[in-house]
C-alpha atoms as a PDB file:
ATOM      1  CA  MET A   1     -22.680   9.199  -0.014  1.00  0.00           C
ATOM      2  CA  PRO A   2     -25.752   7.082  -0.768  1.00  0.00           C
ATOM      3  CA  PHE A   3     -28.042   6.763   2.234  1.00  0.00           C
ATOM      4  CA  PHE A   4     -28.139   2.966   1.957  1.00  0.00           C
ATOM      5  CA  HIS A   5     -24.484   2.975   3.087  1.00  0.00           C
ATOM      6  CA  VAL A   6     -23.741   3.323   6.800  1.00  0.00           C
ATOM      7  CA  ILE A   7     -21.568   6.354   5.998  1.00  0.00           C
ATOM      8  CA  GLY A   8     -24.413   8.136   4.258  1.00  0.00           C
ATOM      9  CA  SER A   9     -27.057   7.203   6.810  1.00  0.00           C
ATOM     10  CA  LEU A  10     -25.150   7.229  10.117  1.00  0.00           C
ATOM     11  CA  SER A  11     -22.276   9.651   9.472  1.00  0.00           C
ATOM     12  CA  VAL A  12     -24.095  12.201   7.298  1.00  0.00           C
ATOM     13  CA  LEU A  13     -27.899  12.049   7.363  1.00  0.00           C
ATOM     14  CA  LEU A  14     -28.721  11.382  11.038  1.00  0.00           C
ATOM     15  CA  PRO A  15     -26.096  13.666  12.666  1.00  0.00           C
ATOM     16  CA  ASN A  16     -27.045  16.510  10.329  1.00  0.00           C
ATOM     17  CA  MET A  17     -30.733  16.076  11.133  1.00  0.00           C
ATOM     18  CA  ALA A  18     -29.991  15.957  14.862  1.00  0.00           C
ATOM     19  CA  ALA A  19     -27.994  19.188  14.583  1.00  0.00           C
ATOM     20  CA  GLY A  20     -30.715  20.928  12.582  1.00  0.00           C
ATOM     21  CA  GLY A  21     -28.477  21.310   9.563  1.00  0.00           C
ATOM     22  CA  LYS A  22     -29.357  21.617   5.912  1.00  0.00           C
ATOM     23  CA  LEU A  23     -28.624  18.880   3.376  1.00  0.00           C
ATOM     24  CA  VAL A  24     -28.125  19.692  -0.309  1.00  0.00           C
ATOM     25  CA  LEU A  25     -28.807  16.477  -2.214  1.00  0.00           C
ATOM     26  CA  MET A  26     -28.048  15.209  -5.696  1.00  0.00           C
ATOM     27  CA  ARG A  27     -29.770  12.338  -7.479  1.00  0.00           C
ATOM     28  CA  LYS A  28     -26.400  11.298  -8.879  1.00  0.00           C
ATOM     29  CA  PHE A  29     -22.993  12.856  -8.336  1.00  0.00           C
ATOM     30  CA  GLN A  30     -21.673  15.010 -11.167  1.00  0.00           C
ATOM     31  CA  ALA A  31     -18.685  17.215 -10.340  1.00  0.00           C
ATOM     32  CA  TYR A  32     -19.843  20.191 -12.433  1.00  0.00           C
ATOM     33  CA  GLU A  33     -23.326  20.203 -10.909  1.00  0.00           C
ATOM     34  CA  ALA A  34     -21.919  19.657  -7.399  1.00  0.00           C
ATOM     35  CA  LEU A  35     -19.651  22.701  -7.727  1.00  0.00           C
ATOM     36  CA  GLU A  36     -22.615  24.804  -8.875  1.00  0.00           C
ATOM     37  CA  LEU A  37     -24.606  23.687  -5.821  1.00  0.00           C
ATOM     38  CA  ILE A  38     -21.726  24.392  -3.416  1.00  0.00           C
ATOM     39  CA  GLU A  39     -21.373  27.914  -4.829  1.00  0.00           C
ATOM     40  CA  ARG A  40     -25.088  28.682  -5.010  1.00  0.00           C
ATOM     41  CA  GLU A  41     -26.164  27.174  -1.664  1.00  0.00           C
ATOM     42  CA  GLY A  42     -23.108  28.224   0.356  1.00  0.00           C
ATOM     43  CA  VAL A  43     -22.315  24.606   1.263  1.00  0.00           C
ATOM     44  CA  THR A  44     -19.864  24.369   4.196  1.00  0.00           C
ATOM     45  CA  VAL A  45     -19.157  20.600   4.241  1.00  0.00           C
ATOM     46  CA  THR A  46     -18.998  18.172   1.363  1.00  0.00           C
ATOM     47  CA  GLY A  47     -17.346  14.888   0.479  1.00  0.00           C
ATOM     48  CA  GLY A  48     -18.011  11.210  -0.053  1.00  0.00           C
ATOM     49  CA  VAL A  49     -15.670   8.514  -1.238  1.00  0.00           C
ATOM     50  CA  PRO A  50     -12.224   9.849  -2.295  1.00  0.00           C
ATOM     51  CA  ALA A  51     -13.379   9.922  -5.923  1.00  0.00           C
ATOM     52  CA  VAL A  52     -15.664  12.866  -5.041  1.00  0.00           C
ATOM     53  CA  PRO A  53     -13.036  15.372  -3.852  1.00  0.00           C
ATOM     54  CA  LEU A  54     -10.675  14.207  -6.591  1.00  0.00           C
ATOM     55  CA  ALA A  55     -13.333  14.999  -9.207  1.00  0.00           C
ATOM     56  CA  LEU A  56     -14.109  18.364  -7.572  1.00  0.00           C
ATOM     57  CA  LEU A  57     -10.431  19.301  -7.619  1.00  0.00           C
ATOM     58  CA  GLU A  58     -10.273  18.645 -11.366  1.00  0.00           C
ATOM     59  CA  GLN A  59     -13.065  21.148 -12.141  1.00  0.00           C
ATOM     60  CA  ALA A  60     -12.832  23.688  -9.301  1.00  0.00           C
ATOM     61  CA  ARG A  61     -10.866  26.354 -11.192  1.00  0.00           C
ATOM     62  CA  GLY A  62     -12.753  29.644 -11.417  1.00  0.00           C
ATOM     63  CA  ARG A  63     -15.404  28.678  -8.853  1.00  0.00           C
ATOM     64  CA  ASN A  64     -16.198  30.666  -5.711  1.00  0.00           C
ATOM     65  CA  LEU A  65     -15.944  27.942  -3.069  1.00  0.00           C
ATOM     66  CA  SER A  66     -15.196  30.269  -0.142  1.00  0.00           C
ATOM     67  CA  SER A  67     -18.089  28.799   1.882  1.00  0.00           C
ATOM     68  CA  LEU A  68     -16.389  25.408   2.091  1.00  0.00           C
ATOM     69  CA  GLN A  69     -14.892  24.661   5.506  1.00  0.00           C
ATOM     70  CA  LEU A  70     -14.453  20.883   5.392  1.00  0.00           C
ATOM     71  CA  VAL A  71     -14.121  18.268   2.654  1.00  0.00           C
ATOM     72  CA  THR A  72     -14.365  14.839   4.215  1.00  0.00           C
ATOM     73  CA  PHE A  73     -14.246  11.356   2.737  1.00  0.00           C
ATOM     74  CA  GLY A  74     -13.922   7.658   3.520  1.00  0.00           C
ATOM     75  CA  GLY A  75     -15.019   4.218   2.426  1.00  0.00           C
ATOM     76  CA  ALA A  76     -11.991   3.577   0.202  1.00  0.00           C
ATOM     77  CA  PRO A  77      -8.214   4.071   0.166  1.00  0.00           C
ATOM     78  CA  SER A  78      -7.249   7.666  -0.586  1.00  0.00           C
ATOM     79  CA  PRO A  79      -4.032   9.103  -2.050  1.00  0.00           C
ATOM     80  CA  PRO A  80      -1.748  10.449   0.725  1.00  0.00           C
ATOM     81  CA  GLY A  81      -1.471  13.781  -1.103  1.00  0.00           C
ATOM     82  CA  LEU A  82      -5.227  14.392  -1.224  1.00  0.00           C
ATOM     83  CA  ALA A  83      -5.391  16.211   2.125  1.00  0.00           C
ATOM     84  CA  GLY A  84      -2.814  18.782   1.070  1.00  0.00           C
ATOM     85  CA  ARG A  85      -4.464  19.344  -2.311  1.00  0.00           C
ATOM     86  CA  ILE A  86      -7.822  20.058  -0.654  1.00  0.00           C
ATOM     87  CA  ARG A  87      -6.267  22.595   1.689  1.00  0.00           C
ATOM     88  CA  GLU A  88      -4.231  24.289  -1.024  1.00  0.00           C
ATOM     89  CA  ASN A  89      -6.686  24.283  -3.926  1.00  0.00           C
ATOM     90  CA  LEU A  90     -10.106  24.445  -2.259  1.00  0.00           C
ATOM     91  CA  GLY A  91      -9.194  26.452   0.836  1.00  0.00           C
ATOM     92  CA  ALA A  92     -11.027  23.958   3.059  1.00  0.00           C
ATOM     93  CA  MET A  93      -9.757  21.592   5.705  1.00  0.00           C
ATOM     94  CA  PRO A  94      -9.584  17.882   4.808  1.00  0.00           C
ATOM     95  CA  GLY A  95     -11.188  15.145   6.869  1.00  0.00           C
ATOM     96  CA  GLN A  96     -11.511  11.391   6.794  1.00  0.00           C
ATOM     97  CA  GLY A  97     -12.031   8.420   9.081  1.00  0.00           C
ATOM     98  CA  TRP A  98     -12.186   4.673   9.336  1.00  0.00           C
ATOM     99  CA  GLY A  99     -15.053   2.395  10.190  1.00  0.00           C
ATOM    100  CA  MET A 100     -17.140  -0.602   9.220  1.00  0.00           C
ATOM    101  CA  THR A 101     -20.794  -1.518   9.108  1.00  0.00           C
ATOM    102  CA  GLU A 102     -20.155  -3.287  12.422  1.00  0.00           C
ATOM    103  CA  THR A 103     -18.879  -0.038  13.992  1.00  0.00           C
ATOM    104  CA  SER A 104     -21.960   1.917  12.858  1.00  0.00           C
ATOM    105  CA  ALA A 105     -19.759   3.643  10.256  1.00  0.00           C
ATOM    106  CA  THR A 106     -17.275   6.087  11.809  1.00  0.00           C
ATOM    107  CA  CYS A 107     -14.954   4.692  14.473  1.00  0.00           C
ATOM    108  CA  THR A 108     -11.956   7.008  13.958  1.00  0.00           C
ATOM    109  CA  THR A 109     -11.936  10.601  12.799  1.00  0.00           C
ATOM    110  CA  HIS A 110      -9.121  12.629  11.306  1.00  0.00           C
ATOM    111  CA  SER A 111      -9.292  16.243  10.123  1.00  0.00           C
ATOM    112  CA  ALA A 112      -7.713  19.689   9.902  1.00  0.00           C
ATOM    113  CA  GLU A 113      -4.094  20.123  11.037  1.00  0.00           C
ATOM    114  CA  ASP A 114      -3.901  16.633  12.540  1.00  0.00           C
ATOM    115  CA  TYR A 115      -4.723  15.143   9.151  1.00  0.00           C
ATOM    116  CA  LEU A 116      -2.340  17.444   7.291  1.00  0.00           C
ATOM    117  CA  HIS A 117       0.471  16.415   9.655  1.00  0.00           C
ATOM    118  CA  ARG A 118      -0.376  12.685   9.469  1.00  0.00           C
ATOM    119  CA  PRO A 119      -1.746  12.142   5.931  1.00  0.00           C
ATOM    120  CA  GLY A 120      -1.222   8.373   6.106  1.00  0.00           C
ATOM    121  CA  SER A 121      -3.329   7.904   9.244  1.00  0.00           C
ATOM    122  CA  CYS A 122      -7.090   7.528   9.633  1.00  0.00           C
ATOM    123  CA  GLY A 123      -6.960   9.286  12.991  1.00  0.00           C
ATOM    124  CA  PRO A 124      -7.616   8.351  16.618  1.00  0.00           C
ATOM    125  CA  ALA A 125     -10.685   6.578  17.937  1.00  0.00           C
ATOM    126  CA  LEU A 126     -13.844   8.536  18.638  1.00  0.00           C
ATOM    127  CA  PRO A 127     -14.117   9.795  22.251  1.00  0.00           C
ATOM    128  CA  VAL A 128     -16.651   7.017  22.975  1.00  0.00           C
ATOM    129  CA  SER A 129     -14.606   4.281  21.269  1.00  0.00           C
ATOM    130  CA  GLY A 130     -11.412   2.368  21.870  1.00  0.00           C
ATOM    131  CA  LEU A 131      -8.838   0.660  19.658  1.00  0.00           C
ATOM    132  CA  LYS A 132      -6.153  -1.910  20.338  1.00  0.00           C
ATOM    133  CA  ILE A 133      -3.696  -3.967  18.304  1.00  0.00           C
ATOM    134  CA  LEU A 134      -3.443  -7.700  18.956  1.00  0.00           C
ATOM    135  CA  LYS A 135      -0.952 -10.229  17.659  1.00  0.00           C
ATOM    136  CA  ASP A 136      -1.178 -13.885  18.687  1.00  0.00           C
ATOM    137  CA  GLY A 137      -3.694 -12.832  21.326  1.00  0.00           C
ATOM    138  CA  VAL A 138      -1.331 -10.312  22.955  1.00  0.00           C
ATOM    139  CA  GLU A 139      -1.947  -6.563  22.924  1.00  0.00           C
ATOM    140  CA  GLN A 140       0.869  -4.781  21.145  1.00  0.00           C
ATOM    141  CA  PRO A 141       2.696  -1.565  22.081  1.00  0.00           C
ATOM    142  CA  PRO A 142       2.583   1.589  19.899  1.00  0.00           C
ATOM    143  CA  GLY A 143       4.351   1.259  16.568  1.00  0.00           C
ATOM    144  CA  THR A 144       3.788  -2.496  16.260  1.00  0.00           C
ATOM    145  CA  ALA A 145       1.598  -3.950  13.516  1.00  0.00           C
ATOM    146  CA  GLY A 146      -1.143  -6.432  14.249  1.00  0.00           C
ATOM    147  CA  GLU A 147      -4.887  -6.994  13.984  1.00  0.00           C
ATOM    148  CA  LEU A 148      -7.105  -4.035  14.826  1.00  0.00           C
ATOM    149  CA  TRP A 149      -9.812  -4.486  17.473  1.00  0.00           C
ATOM    150  CA  ALA A 150     -12.482  -1.856  18.204  1.00  0.00           C
ATOM    151  CA  PHE A 151     -14.699  -1.188  21.233  1.00  0.00           C
ATOM    152  CA  GLY A 152     -17.523   1.187  22.127  1.00  0.00           C
ATOM    153  CA  PRO A 153     -21.277   1.798  22.203  1.00  0.00           C
ATOM    154  CA  ASN A 154     -21.187   2.115  18.415  1.00  0.00           C
ATOM    155  CA  ILE A 155     -20.186  -1.547  18.014  1.00  0.00           C
ATOM    156  CA  VAL A 156     -23.070  -3.814  16.999  1.00  0.00           C
ATOM    157  CA  LYS A 157     -24.059  -6.713  19.236  1.00  0.00           C
ATOM    158  CA  GLY A 158     -23.490  -9.370  16.596  1.00  0.00           C
ATOM    159  CA  TYR A 159     -24.683 -10.777  13.291  1.00  0.00           C
ATOM    160  CA  TRP A 160     -28.365 -11.497  12.781  1.00  0.00           C
ATOM    161  CA  ASN A 161     -29.066 -15.234  13.139  1.00  0.00           C
ATOM    162  CA  ARG A 162     -25.352 -16.081  12.747  1.00  0.00           C
ATOM    163  CA  PRO A 163     -24.173 -17.183  16.211  1.00  0.00           C
ATOM    164  CA  ASP A 164     -20.983 -18.812  14.903  1.00  0.00           C
ATOM    165  CA  ALA A 165     -19.910 -15.673  13.042  1.00  0.00           C
ATOM    166  CA  THR A 166     -20.789 -13.552  16.086  1.00  0.00           C
ATOM    167  CA  ALA A 167     -18.704 -15.751  18.393  1.00  0.00           C
ATOM    168  CA  ALA A 168     -15.741 -15.517  15.997  1.00  0.00           C
ATOM    169  CA  ALA A 169     -15.805 -11.728  15.614  1.00  0.00           C
ATOM    170  CA  PHE A 170     -16.955 -10.376  18.995  1.00  0.00           C
ATOM    171  CA  ARG A 171     -15.387 -10.806  22.418  1.00  0.00           C
ATOM    172  CA  ASP A 172     -16.348  -8.955  25.607  1.00  0.00           C
ATOM    173  CA  GLY A 173     -17.667  -6.017  23.607  1.00  0.00           C
ATOM    174  CA  TRP A 174     -14.598  -5.862  21.352  1.00  0.00           C
ATOM    175  CA  LEU A 175     -14.858  -6.354  17.578  1.00  0.00           C
ATOM    176  CA  LYS A 176     -12.181  -8.257  15.691  1.00  0.00           C
ATOM    177  CA  THR A 177     -12.036  -6.110  12.551  1.00  0.00           C
ATOM    178  CA  GLY A 178      -9.761  -8.306  10.438  1.00  0.00           C
ATOM    179  CA  ASP A 179      -7.725  -5.248   9.397  1.00  0.00           C
ATOM    180  CA  LEU A 180      -3.955  -5.085   9.814  1.00  0.00           C
ATOM    181  CA  ALA A 181      -3.114  -1.785  11.489  1.00  0.00           C
ATOM    182  CA  MET A 182      -0.782   0.102  13.794  1.00  0.00           C
ATOM    183  CA  LEU A 183      -1.294   2.709  16.557  1.00  0.00           C
ATOM    184  CA  ASP A 184       1.245   5.402  17.349  1.00  0.00           C
ATOM    185  CA  GLY A 185       2.049   6.770  20.794  1.00  0.00           C
ATOM    186  CA  GLU A 186      -0.824   9.275  20.623  1.00  0.00           C
ATOM    187  CA  GLY A 187      -3.410   6.724  19.519  1.00  0.00           C
ATOM    188  CA  PHE A 188      -3.483   7.650  15.832  1.00  0.00           C
ATOM    189  CA  CYS A 189      -4.352   4.604  13.735  1.00  0.00           C
ATOM    190  CA  THR A 190      -2.841   3.643  10.391  1.00  0.00           C
ATOM    191  CA  ILE A 191      -4.523   0.882   8.381  1.00  0.00           C
ATOM    192  CA  LEU A 192      -1.836  -1.226   6.715  1.00  0.00           C
ATOM    193  CA  ASP A 193      -3.971  -3.795   4.904  1.00  0.00           C
ATOM    194  CA  ARG A 194      -7.356  -5.476   4.944  1.00  0.00           C
ATOM    195  CA  GLY A 195      -7.559  -8.910   6.418  1.00  0.00           C
ATOM    196  CA  GLU A 196     -10.474  -9.962   4.256  1.00  0.00           C
ATOM    197  CA  ASP A 197      -9.906 -10.815   0.629  1.00  0.00           C
ATOM    198  CA  MET A 198     -11.734  -7.731  -0.537  1.00  0.00           C
ATOM    199  CA  LEU A 199     -11.095  -4.615  -2.574  1.00  0.00           C
ATOM    200  CA  ILE A 200     -12.915  -1.291  -2.577  1.00  0.00           C
ATOM    201  CA  ARG A 201     -13.782   0.461  -5.825  1.00  0.00           C
ATOM    202  CA  GLY A 202     -15.007   4.005  -5.276  1.00  0.00           C
ATOM    203  CA  GLY A 203     -16.463   3.082  -1.890  1.00  0.00           C
ATOM    204  CA  GLU A 204     -18.139  -0.129  -3.075  1.00  0.00           C
ATOM    205  CA  ASN A 205     -16.947  -3.405  -1.563  1.00  0.00           C
ATOM    206  CA  ILE A 206     -15.953  -6.136  -4.011  1.00  0.00           C
ATOM    207  CA  TYR A 207     -15.353  -9.553  -2.490  1.00  0.00           C
ATOM    208  CA  CYS A 208     -12.835 -11.321  -4.687  1.00  0.00           C
ATOM    209  CA  ILE A 209     -14.275 -14.784  -4.218  1.00  0.00           C
ATOM    210  CA  GLU A 210     -17.669 -13.668  -5.564  1.00  0.00           C
ATOM    211  CA  VAL A 211     -16.171 -12.485  -8.866  1.00  0.00           C
ATOM    212  CA  GLU A 212     -13.830 -15.490  -9.082  1.00  0.00           C
ATOM    213  CA  ASN A 213     -16.762 -17.853  -8.591  1.00  0.00           C
ATOM    214  CA  VAL A 214     -18.631 -16.218 -11.464  1.00  0.00           C
ATOM    215  CA  LEU A 215     -15.664 -16.366 -13.840  1.00  0.00           C
ATOM    216  CA  VAL A 216     -15.045 -20.070 -13.227  1.00  0.00           C
ATOM    217  CA  GLN A 217     -18.641 -20.792 -14.249  1.00  0.00           C
ATOM    218  CA  HIS A 218     -17.614 -20.110 -17.844  1.00  0.00           C
ATOM    219  CA  PRO A 219     -16.927 -23.433 -19.617  1.00  0.00           C
ATOM    220  CA  ALA A 220     -13.539 -22.196 -20.874  1.00  0.00           C
ATOM    221  CA  VAL A 221     -12.239 -21.186 -17.428  1.00  0.00           C
ATOM    222  CA  ALA A 222     -10.317 -23.560 -15.177  1.00  0.00           C
ATOM    223  CA  ASP A 223      -9.317 -21.077 -12.474  1.00  0.00           C
ATOM    224  CA  ALA A 224      -9.574 -17.354 -11.778  1.00  0.00           C
ATOM    225  CA  ALA A 225      -8.123 -14.798  -9.405  1.00  0.00           C
ATOM    226  CA  LEU A 226      -9.186 -11.215  -8.715  1.00  0.00           C
ATOM    227  CA  ILE A 227      -6.995  -8.452  -7.328  1.00  0.00           C
ATOM    228  CA  GLY A 228      -7.285  -4.712  -6.862  1.00  0.00           C
ATOM    229  CA  LEU A 229      -5.105  -2.403  -8.906  1.00  0.00           C
ATOM    230  CA  PRO A 230      -4.409   1.168  -7.715  1.00  0.00           C
ATOM    231  CA  HIS A 231      -6.520   3.850  -9.400  1.00  0.00           C
ATOM    232  CA  PRO A 232      -6.008   7.615  -8.980  1.00  0.00           C
ATOM    233  CA  ILE A 233      -9.736   8.378  -8.674  1.00  0.00           C
ATOM    234  CA  LEU A 234     -11.517   5.220  -7.494  1.00  0.00           C
ATOM    235  CA  GLY A 235      -8.829   3.956  -5.126  1.00  0.00           C
ATOM    236  CA  GLU A 236      -8.858   0.465  -6.592  1.00  0.00           C
ATOM    237  CA  VAL A 237     -10.286  -1.258  -9.649  1.00  0.00           C
ATOM    238  CA  PRO A 238     -10.776  -5.013 -10.131  1.00  0.00           C
ATOM    239  CA  ALA A 239      -8.437  -6.974 -12.401  1.00  0.00           C
ATOM    240  CA  ALA A 240      -8.623 -10.694 -13.086  1.00  0.00           C
ATOM    241  CA  LEU A 241      -6.173 -13.358 -14.205  1.00  0.00           C
ATOM    242  CA  VAL A 242      -7.938 -16.331 -15.760  1.00  0.00           C
ATOM    243  CA  GLN A 243      -6.530 -19.788 -16.458  1.00  0.00           C
ATOM    244  CA  THR A 244      -8.323 -21.461 -19.358  1.00  0.00           C
ATOM    245  CA  HIS A 245      -8.793 -25.112 -20.173  1.00  0.00           C
ATOM    246  CA  PRO A 246      -6.398 -26.383 -22.872  1.00  0.00           C
ATOM    247  CA  GLY A 247      -7.897 -26.321 -26.337  1.00  0.00           C
ATOM    248  CA  ILE A 248     -10.789 -23.995 -25.464  1.00  0.00           C
ATOM    249  CA  ASP A 249     -10.470 -20.472 -26.817  1.00  0.00           C
ATOM    250  CA  VAL A 250     -12.165 -17.473 -25.234  1.00  0.00           C
ATOM    251  CA  SER A 251     -11.561 -13.745 -25.574  1.00  0.00           C
ATOM    252  CA  GLU A 252     -11.248 -11.142 -22.841  1.00  0.00           C
ATOM    253  CA  GLY A 253     -14.342  -9.421 -24.214  1.00  0.00           C
ATOM    254  CA  GLU A 254     -16.386 -12.610 -23.985  1.00  0.00           C
ATOM    255  CA  LEU A 255     -15.381 -13.142 -20.358  1.00  0.00           C
ATOM    256  CA  ARG A 256     -16.206  -9.559 -19.420  1.00  0.00           C
ATOM    257  CA  GLU A 257     -19.641  -9.888 -21.061  1.00  0.00           C
ATOM    258  CA  PHE A 258     -20.156 -13.165 -19.197  1.00  0.00           C
ATOM    259  CA  ALA A 259     -19.284 -11.480 -15.894  1.00  0.00           C
ATOM    260  CA  ALA A 260     -21.383  -8.384 -16.678  1.00  0.00           C
ATOM    261  CA  ALA A 261     -24.474 -10.549 -17.118  1.00  0.00           C
ATOM    262  CA  ARG A 262     -24.045 -11.974 -13.607  1.00  0.00           C
ATOM    263  CA  LEU A 263     -22.480  -9.171 -11.556  1.00  0.00           C
ATOM    264  CA  ALA A 264     -23.090  -5.533 -10.748  1.00  0.00           C
ATOM    265  CA  ALA A 265     -21.229  -3.305 -13.207  1.00  0.00           C
ATOM    266  CA  PHE A 266     -18.690  -2.069 -10.657  1.00  0.00           C
ATOM    267  CA  LYS A 267     -17.615  -5.678  -9.933  1.00  0.00           C
ATOM    268  CA  VAL A 268     -16.744  -6.556 -13.535  1.00  0.00           C
ATOM    269  CA  PRO A 269     -12.930  -6.746 -13.977  1.00  0.00           C
ATOM    270  CA  GLN A 270     -11.615  -3.611 -15.635  1.00  0.00           C
ATOM    271  CA  GLN A 271      -8.549  -5.528 -16.766  1.00  0.00           C
ATOM    272  CA  LEU A 272      -8.564  -9.220 -17.625  1.00  0.00           C
ATOM    273  CA  ARG A 273      -5.711 -11.441 -18.715  1.00  0.00           C
ATOM    274  CA  ILE A 274      -5.908 -14.984 -20.007  1.00  0.00           C
ATOM    275  CA  SER A 275      -3.248 -17.632 -19.385  1.00  0.00           C
ATOM    276  CA  LEU A 276      -2.781 -21.372 -19.888  1.00  0.00           C
ATOM    277  CA  ASP A 277      -0.426 -21.506 -16.874  1.00  0.00           C
ATOM    278  CA  VAL A 278      -1.525 -22.545 -13.401  1.00  0.00           C
ATOM    279  CA  LEU A 279      -2.234 -19.557 -11.176  1.00  0.00           C
ATOM    280  CA  PRO A 280       0.360 -18.887  -8.440  1.00  0.00           C
ATOM    281  CA  ARG A 281      -0.680 -20.436  -5.141  1.00  0.00           C
ATOM    282  CA  ASN A 282       1.152 -21.114  -1.889  1.00  0.00           C
ATOM    283  CA  GLU A 283       1.466 -24.467  -0.141  1.00  0.00           C
ATOM    284  CA  GLY A 284      -1.843 -23.917   1.574  1.00  0.00           C
ATOM    285  CA  GLY A 285      -3.563 -23.528  -1.784  1.00  0.00           C
ATOM    286  CA  LYS A 286      -4.174 -19.805  -1.367  1.00  0.00           C
ATOM    287  CA  LEU A 287      -3.571 -17.452  -4.263  1.00  0.00           C
ATOM    288  CA  VAL A 288      -0.367 -15.426  -3.986  1.00  0.00           C
ATOM    289  CA  LYS A 289      -1.852 -12.006  -4.675  1.00  0.00           C
ATOM    290  CA  SER A 290       1.519 -10.245  -4.610  1.00  0.00           C
ATOM    291  CA  ALA A 291       2.667 -12.367  -7.560  1.00  0.00           C
ATOM    292  CA  LEU A 292      -0.564 -11.582  -9.390  1.00  0.00           C
ATOM    293  CA  ARG A 293      -0.069  -7.851  -8.935  1.00  0.00           C
ATOM    294  CA  ARG A 294       3.397  -8.098 -10.417  1.00  0.00           C
ATOM    295  CA  LEU A 295       1.883  -9.711 -13.525  1.00  0.00           C
ATOM    296  CA  PHE A 296      -0.234  -6.573 -13.943  1.00  0.00           C
ATOM    297  CA  GLY A 297       2.760  -4.327 -13.286  1.00  0.00           C
ATOM    298  CA  ALA A 298       1.399  -3.118  -9.933  1.00  0.00           C
END
């Protein structure tokens, strides 16, 4: 994980330094080189976003990875079968968790047999943290979906110079995460969906409105919508449906080049479709993302 992310800095770098551990670093992740380092240095813990263990699994055949004890990941949706594959093919225990920048990275942790038995969960709250599910302002019992709230000394005090945003998201030490989730009777959390209109590509956040706003700057574009499509390695990849103005022709390649000149490479839509039809919206004017996904066959 890059150290400019809270996962890399707060969940990896600082705890390892405090424990007196050794860090084996790479300038840029390459599965082949990473496997060589694990074997040569006797690495016991590795991981990153789910794309990292997935790439390691593809090239691990013939390697001596007996030193590995834990392969942990987070920052993006992971395939439910990944935990079992790590245990079976790498001989290590799997681990993951859930958190946000506002929770100082990790807020739940899930590993070993607990994770293997509950592969769809992100685990229970840290011992110093608390979770609850609210719906219409009422705390919900186990097994009921609602909005996830988090509490603990790891929760930030608020947003810098943004009192309105702080008042909207924080209440009596609790953080309104915006995620739709569910807790079971033992406190294990399952994230059902993200409240914010955002997708995560290989651990990198992509806010849909940012990409949509860039696409509509093109003179041929009347409206645009971005969604996330499932990807076996990256978790999600961006895909866009664009409504063009009548009588103005533009190609998918032109629009991708236009976006690439104004966005980071990972935010550029991997798939892009052009239509003359009005994009599907509900009565409130919001894009119906489920209908958009069906157009892409997702």
